[in-house]
Amino acid sequence: MMSGVSGREPMSTQAATAAARRSKLTPEREAELYEAVISLLREGGYDSVTMEGVAARTKCGKATLYRQWGTKPRLVTAALDKRRIAVFTGIDTGSLAGDLRAAGEVASCRRDRDAELMEAVSQAYIQHPDLRAALRETVIAPEVAALDAMLARAVARGEIAADNPAIGFVAPSFLGMLRIERLFEERFEDVGTIAAFVDAVLLPALGVTAPGTDATA
C-alpha cells in the first residue's frame, strides 16, 4: 500500500454547508469582503482582522459575516483560499519528473505573492488551533491532494515503487520548502529554488532521474 497517497473527499460536509450559505452573496459582494480581509491581514497580521473591522470596512452587517462563515478563522481561510487558488491542480505532464518540475515552476512564479500572506498568519497558525484546522482543510489540503495524485499516477505508470518510503514525505517537504524559503534568502536567491529542490532532493529520494542528468554519473 502506498504511504501518503490516498483518495480524498472533494469537499467535507462542513465545507459544503459553508459554501451553500455563501451562495446567498453575489460574487462581487463576496470578493469585496475577501479583499477587506486580505487588506487587514497585510496591514496588521491576523490579530488585526476582526468581524467588526471587516463589517465596518465593507458596510456589511456583522451578523451576515457570522451567518456566512461562522468564525473568524473560516472567513480568513476562505479569503486566503480565494486569493491563492489551488495552483497544482490540473498539472499532468505524463511523468513524475515533469509534474514535480511544473509544480516547482508554478510555485516559484507565485512565491512572493503567496508567501507574504502566509507569513501574515504564520504566528496565528501556531497559536490558534481553529485557524490551523481551517487552513489545513481549505488551503493546504487541495495542494497536498494534487501532489499525492502526481505520485499515485507515477506508481500506476511504474515510475516509482508503491512502497517507496519517500512518498509520504513529498508533499510535506515540497510545501514546507515553500514556507521556509524566504527565511534563507541569502542561500536561495534564485526564483527557481523550488524547481532545483525537486531535481536535487525529491526526485533522487524517489529513485527518479531528473531529465537532463546522466543516470550513470
N, C-alpha and C. Protein backbone atom coordinates (compact mmCIF):
# COMPACT_ATOMS: atom_id res chain seq x y z
N MET A 1 0.85 -1.21 0.00
CA MET A 1 0.00 0.00 0.00
C MET A 1 0.87 1.23 0.00
N MET A 2 0.50 2.22 -0.77
CA MET A 2 1.35 3.40 -0.92
C MET A 2 1.11 4.37 0.22
N SER A 3 2.16 4.69 0.94
CA SER A 3 2.06 5.62 2.05
C SER A 3 1.91 7.04 1.55
N GLY A 4 0.98 7.80 2.17
CA GLY A 4 0.87 9.22 1.87
C GLY A 4 0.04 9.53 0.64
N VAL A 5 -0.44 8.53 -0.11
CA VAL A 5 -1.24 8.79 -1.29
C VAL A 5 -2.57 8.11 -1.11
N SER A 6 -3.62 8.87 -0.95
CA SER A 6 -4.93 8.27 -0.72
C SER A 6 -6.00 9.15 -1.31
N GLY A 7 -7.17 8.57 -1.53
CA GLY A 7 -8.27 9.35 -2.08
C GLY A 7 -8.82 10.29 -1.04
N ARG A 8 -9.34 11.40 -1.46
CA ARG A 8 -9.91 12.38 -0.55
C ARG A 8 -11.27 12.80 -1.05
N GLU A 9 -12.17 13.08 -0.10
CA GLU A 9 -13.46 13.62 -0.47
C GLU A 9 -13.25 15.01 -1.04
N PRO A 10 -13.90 15.39 -2.13
CA PRO A 10 -13.68 16.69 -2.74
C PRO A 10 -14.03 17.85 -1.84
N MET A 11 -15.01 17.63 -0.97
CA MET A 11 -15.40 18.71 -0.08
C MET A 11 -16.06 18.11 1.15
N SER A 12 -15.66 18.51 2.36
CA SER A 12 -16.25 17.99 3.57
C SER A 12 -17.68 18.50 3.71
N THR A 13 -18.44 17.82 4.57
CA THR A 13 -19.82 18.24 4.81
C THR A 13 -19.86 19.66 5.35
N GLN A 14 -18.91 19.97 6.24
CA GLN A 14 -18.85 21.31 6.81
C GLN A 14 -18.55 22.35 5.75
N ALA A 15 -17.60 22.04 4.86
CA ALA A 15 -17.25 22.98 3.80
C ALA A 15 -18.40 23.15 2.83
N ALA A 16 -19.11 22.06 2.54
CA ALA A 16 -20.24 22.13 1.62
C ALA A 16 -21.35 23.00 2.19
N THR A 17 -21.58 22.86 3.50
CA THR A 17 -22.61 23.68 4.15
C THR A 17 -22.24 25.15 4.10
N ALA A 18 -20.95 25.45 4.36
CA ALA A 18 -20.48 26.83 4.30
C ALA A 18 -20.62 27.38 2.89
N ALA A 19 -20.31 26.58 1.89
CA ALA A 19 -20.42 27.02 0.51
C ALA A 19 -21.87 27.33 0.16
N ALA A 20 -22.78 26.52 0.67
CA ALA A 20 -24.21 26.75 0.40
C ALA A 20 -24.66 28.07 1.01
N ARG A 21 -24.17 28.36 2.22
CA ARG A 21 -24.53 29.63 2.85
C ARG A 21 -23.98 30.81 2.06
N ARG A 22 -22.72 30.69 1.61
CA ARG A 22 -22.10 31.79 0.90
C ARG A 22 -22.75 32.05 -0.45
N SER A 23 -23.44 31.05 -0.98
CA SER A 23 -24.06 31.23 -2.28
C SER A 23 -25.13 32.32 -2.27
N LYS A 24 -25.57 32.73 -1.08
CA LYS A 24 -26.57 33.77 -0.97
C LYS A 24 -25.97 35.15 -1.27
N LEU A 25 -24.66 35.27 -1.20
CA LEU A 25 -24.00 36.52 -1.54
C LEU A 25 -23.66 36.53 -3.02
N THR A 26 -23.68 37.72 -3.61
CA THR A 26 -23.26 37.81 -5.00
C THR A 26 -21.75 37.63 -5.05
N PRO A 27 -21.21 37.15 -6.17
CA PRO A 27 -19.76 37.00 -6.29
C PRO A 27 -19.02 38.32 -6.06
N GLU A 28 -19.62 39.42 -6.50
CA GLU A 28 -18.99 40.73 -6.34
C GLU A 28 -18.90 41.11 -4.85
N ARG A 29 -19.98 40.85 -4.12
CA ARG A 29 -20.01 41.19 -2.70
C ARG A 29 -19.04 40.30 -1.93
N GLU A 30 -19.01 39.03 -2.28
CA GLU A 30 -18.09 38.10 -1.63
C GLU A 30 -16.64 38.53 -1.86
N ALA A 31 -16.33 38.92 -3.09
CA ALA A 31 -14.98 39.36 -3.42
C ALA A 31 -14.61 40.61 -2.63
N GLU A 32 -15.57 41.50 -2.44
CA GLU A 32 -15.32 42.72 -1.68
C GLU A 32 -14.98 42.39 -0.22
N LEU A 33 -15.71 41.44 0.35
CA LEU A 33 -15.46 41.04 1.73
C LEU A 33 -14.09 40.38 1.86
N TYR A 34 -13.76 39.51 0.92
CA TYR A 34 -12.46 38.85 0.95
C TYR A 34 -11.33 39.86 0.81
N GLU A 35 -11.52 40.84 -0.04
CA GLU A 35 -10.47 41.85 -0.24
C GLU A 35 -10.25 42.65 1.04
N ALA A 36 -11.32 42.91 1.78
CA ALA A 36 -11.18 43.62 3.05
C ALA A 36 -10.37 42.80 4.03
N VAL A 37 -10.61 41.50 4.05
CA VAL A 37 -9.86 40.61 4.95
C VAL A 37 -8.37 40.63 4.57
N ILE A 38 -8.10 40.49 3.28
CA ILE A 38 -6.71 40.48 2.81
C ILE A 38 -6.01 41.79 3.16
N SER A 39 -6.70 42.91 2.97
CA SER A 39 -6.12 44.22 3.28
C SER A 39 -5.77 44.32 4.76
N LEU A 40 -6.68 43.86 5.63
CA LEU A 40 -6.42 43.90 7.07
C LEU A 40 -5.25 42.99 7.44
N LEU A 41 -5.15 41.84 6.79
CA LEU A 41 -4.02 40.94 7.04
C LEU A 41 -2.70 41.62 6.67
N ARG A 42 -2.68 42.27 5.52
CA ARG A 42 -1.46 42.95 5.08
C ARG A 42 -1.09 44.09 6.03
N GLU A 43 -2.10 44.78 6.55
CA GLU A 43 -1.85 45.96 7.38
C GLU A 43 -1.36 45.61 8.78
N GLY A 44 -1.89 44.53 9.34
CA GLY A 44 -1.52 44.25 10.73
C GLY A 44 -1.47 42.80 11.13
N GLY A 45 -1.55 41.88 10.16
CA GLY A 45 -1.50 40.47 10.51
C GLY A 45 -2.85 39.94 10.97
N TYR A 46 -2.83 38.72 11.42
CA TYR A 46 -4.08 38.02 11.76
C TYR A 46 -4.86 38.71 12.87
N ASP A 47 -4.15 39.21 13.87
CA ASP A 47 -4.83 39.83 15.01
C ASP A 47 -5.57 41.10 14.62
N SER A 48 -5.18 41.71 13.51
CA SER A 48 -5.84 42.95 13.08
C SER A 48 -7.17 42.68 12.39
N VAL A 49 -7.43 41.43 12.07
CA VAL A 49 -8.69 41.07 11.41
C VAL A 49 -9.72 40.75 12.46
N THR A 50 -10.82 41.49 12.45
CA THR A 50 -11.94 41.20 13.33
C THR A 50 -13.21 41.24 12.50
N MET A 51 -14.22 40.54 12.96
CA MET A 51 -15.50 40.58 12.26
C MET A 51 -16.04 42.01 12.23
N GLU A 52 -15.82 42.73 13.33
CA GLU A 52 -16.28 44.12 13.40
C GLU A 52 -15.55 44.99 12.38
N GLY A 53 -14.23 44.76 12.27
CA GLY A 53 -13.45 45.55 11.33
C GLY A 53 -13.81 45.30 9.89
N VAL A 54 -14.03 44.03 9.55
CA VAL A 54 -14.44 43.70 8.18
C VAL A 54 -15.80 44.29 7.89
N ALA A 55 -16.71 44.18 8.86
CA ALA A 55 -18.06 44.72 8.68
C ALA A 55 -18.03 46.23 8.47
N ALA A 56 -17.22 46.92 9.26
CA ALA A 56 -17.14 48.38 9.14
C ALA A 56 -16.53 48.79 7.81
N ARG A 57 -15.49 48.08 7.38
CA ARG A 57 -14.80 48.44 6.14
C ARG A 57 -15.67 48.20 4.92
N THR A 58 -16.55 47.23 4.99
CA THR A 58 -17.35 46.86 3.82
C THR A 58 -18.81 47.29 3.95
N LYS A 59 -19.13 47.97 5.08
CA LYS A 59 -20.51 48.37 5.34
C LYS A 59 -21.45 47.15 5.26
N CYS A 60 -20.99 46.10 5.91
CA CYS A 60 -21.74 44.85 5.94
C CYS A 60 -22.13 44.56 7.38
N GLY A 61 -23.29 43.99 7.60
CA GLY A 61 -23.70 43.65 8.95
C GLY A 61 -22.83 42.53 9.51
N LYS A 62 -22.42 42.68 10.76
CA LYS A 62 -21.59 41.65 11.39
C LYS A 62 -22.32 40.32 11.43
N ALA A 63 -23.63 40.38 11.61
CA ALA A 63 -24.42 39.15 11.66
C ALA A 63 -24.33 38.39 10.34
N THR A 64 -24.22 39.13 9.24
CA THR A 64 -24.08 38.48 7.92
C THR A 64 -22.79 37.69 7.83
N LEU A 65 -21.71 38.26 8.36
CA LEU A 65 -20.43 37.57 8.33
C LEU A 65 -20.49 36.28 9.13
N TYR A 66 -21.10 36.36 10.32
CA TYR A 66 -21.21 35.15 11.14
C TYR A 66 -22.13 34.12 10.49
N ARG A 67 -23.17 34.59 9.84
CA ARG A 67 -24.08 33.66 9.18
C ARG A 67 -23.39 32.95 8.01
N GLN A 68 -22.56 33.69 7.27
CA GLN A 68 -21.93 33.13 6.09
C GLN A 68 -20.73 32.23 6.43
N TRP A 69 -19.90 32.67 7.41
CA TRP A 69 -18.66 31.93 7.67
C TRP A 69 -18.57 31.33 9.07
N GLY A 70 -19.38 31.82 9.99
CA GLY A 70 -19.41 31.23 11.32
C GLY A 70 -18.34 31.74 12.26
N THR A 71 -17.09 31.73 11.83
CA THR A 71 -15.99 32.16 12.69
C THR A 71 -14.97 32.97 11.91
N LYS A 72 -14.18 33.73 12.62
CA LYS A 72 -13.10 34.50 12.00
C LYS A 72 -12.10 33.59 11.28
N PRO A 73 -11.65 32.49 11.87
CA PRO A 73 -10.70 31.63 11.14
C PRO A 73 -11.23 31.16 9.80
N ARG A 74 -12.51 30.83 9.72
CA ARG A 74 -13.06 30.35 8.45
C ARG A 74 -13.18 31.49 7.44
N LEU A 75 -13.46 32.69 7.90
CA LEU A 75 -13.51 33.83 6.99
C LEU A 75 -12.11 34.13 6.45
N VAL A 76 -11.12 34.14 7.33
CA VAL A 76 -9.75 34.40 6.91
C VAL A 76 -9.26 33.33 5.95
N THR A 77 -9.55 32.08 6.28
CA THR A 77 -9.11 30.98 5.43
C THR A 77 -9.78 31.04 4.07
N ALA A 78 -11.06 31.36 4.04
CA ALA A 78 -11.77 31.47 2.76
C ALA A 78 -11.18 32.57 1.90
N ALA A 79 -10.82 33.69 2.54
CA ALA A 79 -10.23 34.81 1.80
C ALA A 79 -8.87 34.41 1.22
N LEU A 80 -8.06 33.72 2.02
CA LEU A 80 -6.76 33.25 1.55
C LEU A 80 -6.91 32.23 0.43
N ASP A 81 -7.88 31.35 0.59
CA ASP A 81 -8.11 30.32 -0.42
C ASP A 81 -8.53 30.93 -1.74
N LYS A 82 -9.38 31.94 -1.68
CA LYS A 82 -9.84 32.61 -2.90
C LYS A 82 -8.68 33.32 -3.59
N ARG A 83 -7.81 33.88 -2.77
CA ARG A 83 -6.68 34.64 -3.30
C ARG A 83 -5.62 33.71 -3.89
N ARG A 84 -5.45 32.57 -3.24
CA ARG A 84 -4.35 31.69 -3.58
C ARG A 84 -4.62 30.84 -4.82
N ILE A 85 -5.80 30.22 -4.88
CA ILE A 85 -6.15 29.27 -5.93
C ILE A 85 -5.33 27.97 -5.74
N ALA A 86 -5.92 26.85 -6.09
CA ALA A 86 -5.22 25.57 -5.99
C ALA A 86 -4.31 25.45 -7.21
N VAL A 87 -3.09 25.91 -7.07
CA VAL A 87 -2.22 26.10 -8.24
C VAL A 87 -1.68 24.80 -8.82
N PHE A 88 -1.66 23.71 -8.04
CA PHE A 88 -1.11 22.47 -8.56
C PHE A 88 -2.16 21.57 -9.21
N THR A 89 -3.41 21.85 -8.95
CA THR A 89 -4.48 21.04 -9.52
C THR A 89 -4.47 21.17 -11.05
N GLY A 90 -4.54 20.05 -11.73
CA GLY A 90 -4.58 20.08 -13.19
C GLY A 90 -3.23 19.85 -13.84
N ILE A 91 -2.15 19.87 -13.06
CA ILE A 91 -0.83 19.59 -13.62
C ILE A 91 -0.73 18.10 -13.92
N ASP A 92 -0.49 17.75 -15.16
CA ASP A 92 -0.32 16.35 -15.55
C ASP A 92 0.48 16.31 -16.85
N THR A 93 1.79 16.20 -16.72
CA THR A 93 2.68 16.23 -17.88
C THR A 93 2.96 14.86 -18.47
N GLY A 94 2.54 13.81 -17.76
CA GLY A 94 2.79 12.46 -18.24
C GLY A 94 3.97 11.79 -17.57
N SER A 95 4.71 12.52 -16.72
CA SER A 95 5.81 11.92 -15.98
C SER A 95 5.90 12.58 -14.62
N LEU A 96 6.42 11.86 -13.63
CA LEU A 96 6.54 12.42 -12.29
C LEU A 96 7.53 13.59 -12.28
N ALA A 97 8.66 13.41 -12.95
CA ALA A 97 9.64 14.49 -13.01
C ALA A 97 9.03 15.75 -13.62
N GLY A 98 8.28 15.56 -14.69
CA GLY A 98 7.64 16.70 -15.34
C GLY A 98 6.61 17.35 -14.45
N ASP A 99 5.82 16.54 -13.73
CA ASP A 99 4.79 17.09 -12.84
C ASP A 99 5.40 17.89 -11.70
N LEU A 100 6.40 17.30 -11.03
CA LEU A 100 7.00 17.99 -9.89
C LEU A 100 7.77 19.23 -10.33
N ARG A 101 8.42 19.14 -11.48
CA ARG A 101 9.11 20.33 -12.00
C ARG A 101 8.11 21.44 -12.33
N ALA A 102 6.99 21.07 -12.95
CA ALA A 102 5.97 22.06 -13.28
C ALA A 102 5.41 22.70 -12.02
N ALA A 103 5.18 21.89 -10.98
CA ALA A 103 4.69 22.43 -9.72
C ALA A 103 5.72 23.37 -9.11
N GLY A 104 7.00 23.00 -9.23
CA GLY A 104 8.05 23.87 -8.71
C GLY A 104 8.12 25.20 -9.44
N GLU A 105 7.94 25.16 -10.75
CA GLU A 105 7.97 26.39 -11.54
C GLU A 105 6.79 27.30 -11.20
N VAL A 106 5.60 26.69 -11.05
CA VAL A 106 4.42 27.47 -10.68
C VAL A 106 4.63 28.11 -9.31
N ALA A 107 5.12 27.31 -8.36
CA ALA A 107 5.33 27.81 -7.01
C ALA A 107 6.36 28.95 -7.00
N SER A 108 7.41 28.81 -7.80
CA SER A 108 8.43 29.86 -7.86
C SER A 108 7.87 31.16 -8.39
N CYS A 109 7.01 31.06 -9.41
CA CYS A 109 6.42 32.26 -10.00
C CYS A 109 5.50 32.98 -9.03
N ARG A 110 4.87 32.23 -8.12
CA ARG A 110 3.92 32.82 -7.18
C ARG A 110 4.53 33.04 -5.81
N ARG A 111 5.84 32.83 -5.70
CA ARG A 111 6.49 32.81 -4.39
C ARG A 111 6.19 34.04 -3.54
N ASP A 112 6.47 35.21 -4.04
CA ASP A 112 6.33 36.43 -3.24
C ASP A 112 4.88 36.71 -2.88
N ARG A 113 3.98 36.52 -3.85
CA ARG A 113 2.58 36.84 -3.59
C ARG A 113 1.98 35.93 -2.52
N ASP A 114 2.27 34.64 -2.58
CA ASP A 114 1.71 33.71 -1.61
C ASP A 114 2.40 33.82 -0.26
N ALA A 115 3.72 33.93 -0.27
CA ALA A 115 4.48 33.92 0.98
C ALA A 115 4.11 35.11 1.86
N GLU A 116 3.86 36.26 1.27
CA GLU A 116 3.53 37.46 2.04
C GLU A 116 2.29 37.24 2.89
N LEU A 117 1.27 36.65 2.30
CA LEU A 117 0.03 36.44 3.03
C LEU A 117 0.16 35.32 4.05
N MET A 118 0.88 34.25 3.69
CA MET A 118 1.03 33.16 4.63
C MET A 118 1.86 33.59 5.83
N GLU A 119 2.82 34.47 5.61
CA GLU A 119 3.62 34.98 6.73
C GLU A 119 2.75 35.81 7.67
N ALA A 120 1.72 36.45 7.12
CA ALA A 120 0.84 37.28 7.93
C ALA A 120 0.04 36.45 8.94
N VAL A 121 -0.13 35.16 8.65
CA VAL A 121 -0.90 34.31 9.58
C VAL A 121 -0.03 33.23 10.21
N SER A 122 1.28 33.26 9.95
CA SER A 122 2.14 32.18 10.41
C SER A 122 2.15 32.03 11.93
N GLN A 123 2.24 33.14 12.66
CA GLN A 123 2.25 33.07 14.11
C GLN A 123 0.89 32.63 14.63
N ALA A 124 -0.16 33.17 14.04
CA ALA A 124 -1.50 32.79 14.46
C ALA A 124 -1.77 31.33 14.18
N TYR A 125 -1.19 30.81 13.12
CA TYR A 125 -1.34 29.39 12.76
C TYR A 125 -0.87 28.51 13.91
N ILE A 126 0.19 28.93 14.59
CA ILE A 126 0.72 28.16 15.71
C ILE A 126 -0.15 28.34 16.96
N GLN A 127 -0.64 29.54 17.17
CA GLN A 127 -1.34 29.87 18.40
C GLN A 127 -2.81 29.49 18.40
N HIS A 128 -3.43 29.38 17.22
CA HIS A 128 -4.87 29.15 17.15
C HIS A 128 -5.19 27.84 16.41
N PRO A 129 -5.50 26.79 17.15
CA PRO A 129 -5.82 25.51 16.51
C PRO A 129 -6.98 25.58 15.53
N ASP A 130 -7.95 26.45 15.80
CA ASP A 130 -9.10 26.55 14.90
C ASP A 130 -8.68 27.12 13.54
N LEU A 131 -7.78 28.08 13.55
CA LEU A 131 -7.26 28.62 12.28
C LEU A 131 -6.43 27.56 11.58
N ARG A 132 -5.61 26.84 12.33
CA ARG A 132 -4.77 25.79 11.74
C ARG A 132 -5.63 24.73 11.05
N ALA A 133 -6.71 24.33 11.72
CA ALA A 133 -7.59 23.32 11.13
C ALA A 133 -8.27 23.84 9.88
N ALA A 134 -8.70 25.10 9.91
CA ALA A 134 -9.38 25.68 8.75
C ALA A 134 -8.42 25.83 7.57
N LEU A 135 -7.20 26.27 7.83
CA LEU A 135 -6.21 26.42 6.76
C LEU A 135 -5.85 25.06 6.17
N ARG A 136 -5.71 24.06 7.05
CA ARG A 136 -5.35 22.73 6.57
C ARG A 136 -6.43 22.19 5.63
N GLU A 137 -7.67 22.40 5.99
CA GLU A 137 -8.78 21.86 5.19
C GLU A 137 -8.96 22.61 3.88
N THR A 138 -8.89 23.93 3.94
CA THR A 138 -9.27 24.74 2.78
C THR A 138 -8.11 25.11 1.87
N VAL A 139 -6.97 25.45 2.45
CA VAL A 139 -5.84 25.95 1.66
C VAL A 139 -4.81 24.86 1.37
N ILE A 140 -4.46 24.10 2.40
CA ILE A 140 -3.39 23.12 2.25
C ILE A 140 -3.86 21.82 1.60
N ALA A 141 -5.02 21.33 2.00
CA ALA A 141 -5.49 20.02 1.52
C ALA A 141 -5.55 19.91 0.00
N PRO A 142 -6.04 20.92 -0.73
CA PRO A 142 -6.07 20.79 -2.20
C PRO A 142 -4.69 20.63 -2.82
N GLU A 143 -3.68 21.32 -2.26
CA GLU A 143 -2.33 21.21 -2.79
C GLU A 143 -1.73 19.84 -2.47
N VAL A 144 -1.97 19.37 -1.25
CA VAL A 144 -1.49 18.04 -0.87
C VAL A 144 -2.13 16.98 -1.76
N ALA A 145 -3.43 17.12 -1.99
CA ALA A 145 -4.14 16.15 -2.84
C ALA A 145 -3.57 16.14 -4.25
N ALA A 146 -3.24 17.32 -4.78
CA ALA A 146 -2.69 17.40 -6.14
C ALA A 146 -1.31 16.75 -6.21
N LEU A 147 -0.48 16.99 -5.20
CA LEU A 147 0.85 16.38 -5.19
C LEU A 147 0.75 14.87 -5.00
N ASP A 148 -0.15 14.43 -4.13
CA ASP A 148 -0.36 12.99 -3.94
C ASP A 148 -0.86 12.33 -5.21
N ALA A 149 -1.68 13.05 -5.97
CA ALA A 149 -2.20 12.49 -7.23
C ALA A 149 -1.06 12.28 -8.23
N MET A 150 -0.10 13.21 -8.24
CA MET A 150 1.07 13.04 -9.12
C MET A 150 1.81 11.76 -8.77
N LEU A 151 1.97 11.52 -7.47
CA LEU A 151 2.68 10.33 -7.01
C LEU A 151 1.90 9.06 -7.34
N ALA A 152 0.59 9.13 -7.16
CA ALA A 152 -0.25 7.97 -7.47
C ALA A 152 -0.16 7.61 -8.95
N ARG A 153 -0.15 8.61 -9.82
CA ARG A 153 -0.02 8.34 -11.25
C ARG A 153 1.35 7.74 -11.56
N ALA A 154 2.37 8.22 -10.86
CA ALA A 154 3.72 7.69 -11.08
C ALA A 154 3.81 6.23 -10.68
N VAL A 155 3.15 5.86 -9.59
CA VAL A 155 3.11 4.46 -9.17
C VAL A 155 2.38 3.63 -10.22
N ALA A 156 1.25 4.15 -10.71
CA ALA A 156 0.48 3.42 -11.71
C ALA A 156 1.26 3.22 -13.00
N ARG A 157 2.12 4.19 -13.34
CA ARG A 157 2.93 4.08 -14.55
C ARG A 157 4.18 3.22 -14.34
N GLY A 158 4.46 2.86 -13.10
CA GLY A 158 5.64 2.07 -12.81
C GLY A 158 6.91 2.89 -12.66
N GLU A 159 6.77 4.20 -12.52
CA GLU A 159 7.96 5.06 -12.37
C GLU A 159 8.58 4.92 -10.99
N ILE A 160 7.75 4.73 -9.98
CA ILE A 160 8.26 4.57 -8.62
C ILE A 160 7.53 3.39 -7.97
N ALA A 161 8.18 2.79 -6.98
CA ALA A 161 7.58 1.66 -6.27
C ALA A 161 6.55 2.16 -5.26
N ALA A 162 5.47 1.44 -5.14
CA ALA A 162 4.40 1.85 -4.23
C ALA A 162 4.85 1.89 -2.78
N ASP A 163 5.87 1.09 -2.44
CA ASP A 163 6.34 1.05 -1.05
C ASP A 163 7.55 1.94 -0.81
N ASN A 164 7.86 2.82 -1.75
CA ASN A 164 8.98 3.74 -1.56
C ASN A 164 8.69 4.62 -0.33
N PRO A 165 9.53 4.57 0.70
CA PRO A 165 9.25 5.32 1.93
C PRO A 165 9.28 6.83 1.75
N ALA A 166 9.86 7.31 0.67
CA ALA A 166 9.93 8.76 0.45
C ALA A 166 8.60 9.36 0.03
N ILE A 167 7.69 8.51 -0.46
CA ILE A 167 6.42 9.02 -1.00
C ILE A 167 5.66 9.87 0.01
N GLY A 168 5.57 9.39 1.23
CA GLY A 168 4.81 10.12 2.24
C GLY A 168 5.40 11.45 2.65
N PHE A 169 6.67 11.68 2.29
CA PHE A 169 7.34 12.92 2.68
C PHE A 169 7.35 13.97 1.57
N VAL A 170 6.89 13.61 0.38
CA VAL A 170 7.00 14.54 -0.74
C VAL A 170 6.16 15.80 -0.52
N ALA A 171 4.87 15.64 -0.27
CA ALA A 171 4.01 16.82 -0.09
C ALA A 171 4.45 17.68 1.09
N PRO A 172 4.71 17.09 2.28
CA PRO A 172 5.18 17.94 3.38
C PRO A 172 6.50 18.64 3.07
N SER A 173 7.42 17.95 2.40
CA SER A 173 8.71 18.56 2.08
C SER A 173 8.54 19.70 1.07
N PHE A 174 7.75 19.45 0.03
CA PHE A 174 7.53 20.44 -1.02
C PHE A 174 6.89 21.69 -0.43
N LEU A 175 5.78 21.50 0.30
CA LEU A 175 5.07 22.65 0.85
C LEU A 175 5.87 23.31 1.97
N GLY A 176 6.62 22.50 2.72
CA GLY A 176 7.46 23.07 3.77
C GLY A 176 8.53 23.96 3.19
N MET A 177 9.12 23.55 2.08
CA MET A 177 10.14 24.37 1.43
C MET A 177 9.56 25.71 1.00
N LEU A 178 8.33 25.69 0.52
CA LEU A 178 7.69 26.95 0.12
C LEU A 178 7.57 27.90 1.31
N ARG A 179 7.30 27.33 2.48
CA ARG A 179 7.09 28.17 3.67
C ARG A 179 8.38 28.76 4.23
N ILE A 180 9.48 28.00 4.14
CA ILE A 180 10.71 28.46 4.79
C ILE A 180 11.71 29.09 3.84
N GLU A 181 11.42 29.04 2.54
CA GLU A 181 12.39 29.53 1.56
C GLU A 181 12.83 30.96 1.84
N ARG A 182 11.88 31.81 2.20
CA ARG A 182 12.20 33.22 2.44
C ARG A 182 13.09 33.42 3.66
N LEU A 183 13.11 32.43 4.58
CA LEU A 183 13.96 32.54 5.76
C LEU A 183 15.43 32.34 5.41
N PHE A 184 15.69 31.80 4.21
CA PHE A 184 17.05 31.52 3.78
C PHE A 184 17.37 32.25 2.48
N GLU A 185 16.97 33.52 2.42
CA GLU A 185 17.15 34.28 1.19
C GLU A 185 18.61 34.40 0.78
N GLU A 186 19.50 34.41 1.77
CA GLU A 186 20.91 34.53 1.43
C GLU A 186 21.44 33.26 0.77
N ARG A 187 20.73 32.14 0.99
CA ARG A 187 21.14 30.88 0.39
C ARG A 187 20.36 30.57 -0.89
N PHE A 188 19.09 30.96 -0.90
CA PHE A 188 18.23 30.67 -2.05
C PHE A 188 17.76 31.98 -2.67
N GLU A 189 18.58 32.57 -3.52
CA GLU A 189 18.24 33.85 -4.12
C GLU A 189 17.54 33.69 -5.47
N ASP A 190 17.66 32.54 -6.06
CA ASP A 190 17.11 32.30 -7.39
C ASP A 190 15.62 31.96 -7.28
N VAL A 191 14.78 32.52 -8.17
CA VAL A 191 13.35 32.22 -8.14
C VAL A 191 13.08 30.77 -8.50
N GLY A 192 14.08 30.08 -9.05
CA GLY A 192 13.90 28.69 -9.41
C GLY A 192 14.30 27.73 -8.31
N THR A 193 14.35 28.20 -7.07
CA THR A 193 14.79 27.36 -5.96
C THR A 193 13.96 26.09 -5.82
N ILE A 194 12.64 26.21 -5.93
CA ILE A 194 11.78 25.05 -5.72
C ILE A 194 12.01 24.02 -6.82
N ALA A 195 12.16 24.48 -8.05
CA ALA A 195 12.43 23.55 -9.15
C ALA A 195 13.76 22.84 -8.92
N ALA A 196 14.76 23.56 -8.43
CA ALA A 196 16.05 22.96 -8.13
C ALA A 196 15.93 21.96 -6.98
N PHE A 197 15.08 22.27 -6.01
CA PHE A 197 14.82 21.37 -4.88
C PHE A 197 14.22 20.06 -5.38
N VAL A 198 13.32 20.16 -6.34
CA VAL A 198 12.72 18.96 -6.92
C VAL A 198 13.80 18.07 -7.53
N ASP A 199 14.69 18.66 -8.33
CA ASP A 199 15.73 17.89 -9.02
C ASP A 199 16.77 17.33 -8.07
N ALA A 200 17.16 18.12 -7.07
CA ALA A 200 18.27 17.74 -6.21
C ALA A 200 17.86 16.86 -5.03
N VAL A 201 16.60 16.97 -4.60
CA VAL A 201 16.19 16.28 -3.38
C VAL A 201 15.04 15.29 -3.61
N LEU A 202 13.93 15.77 -4.14
CA LEU A 202 12.76 14.92 -4.23
C LEU A 202 12.92 13.78 -5.23
N LEU A 203 13.34 14.09 -6.43
CA LEU A 203 13.45 13.04 -7.45
C LEU A 203 14.47 11.96 -7.05
N PRO A 204 15.67 12.33 -6.57
CA PRO A 204 16.60 11.28 -6.13
C PRO A 204 16.03 10.42 -5.01
N ALA A 205 15.32 11.05 -4.07
CA ALA A 205 14.73 10.28 -2.97
C ALA A 205 13.72 9.26 -3.46
N LEU A 206 13.05 9.60 -4.57
CA LEU A 206 12.05 8.70 -5.16
C LEU A 206 12.66 7.72 -6.15
N GLY A 207 13.97 7.83 -6.38
CA GLY A 207 14.63 6.94 -7.31
C GLY A 207 14.38 7.29 -8.76
N VAL A 208 14.08 8.57 -9.00
CA VAL A 208 13.80 9.03 -10.36
C VAL A 208 14.94 9.93 -10.83
N THR A 209 15.42 9.70 -12.02
CA THR A 209 16.48 10.53 -12.58
C THR A 209 15.89 11.78 -13.22
N ALA A 210 16.36 12.93 -12.79
CA ALA A 210 15.86 14.19 -13.34
C ALA A 210 16.23 14.28 -14.81
N PRO A 211 15.31 14.75 -15.66
CA PRO A 211 15.62 14.92 -17.08
C PRO A 211 16.85 15.81 -17.26
N GLY A 212 17.71 15.43 -18.19
CA GLY A 212 18.89 16.24 -18.48
C GLY A 212 20.09 15.85 -17.65
N THR A 213 19.94 14.82 -16.77
CA THR A 213 21.08 14.37 -15.99
C THR A 213 21.50 12.98 -16.45
N ASP A 214 22.73 12.65 -16.18
CA ASP A 214 23.28 11.35 -16.61
C ASP A 214 23.01 10.33 -15.51
N ALA A 215 22.15 9.35 -15.82
CA ALA A 215 21.77 8.36 -14.82
C ALA A 215 22.94 7.50 -14.39
N THR A 216 24.01 7.45 -15.20
CA THR A 216 25.15 6.61 -14.87
C THR A 216 26.25 7.36 -14.13
N ALA A 217 26.02 8.68 -14.01
CA ALA A 217 27.08 9.51 -13.37
C ALA A 217 27.19 9.18 -11.89
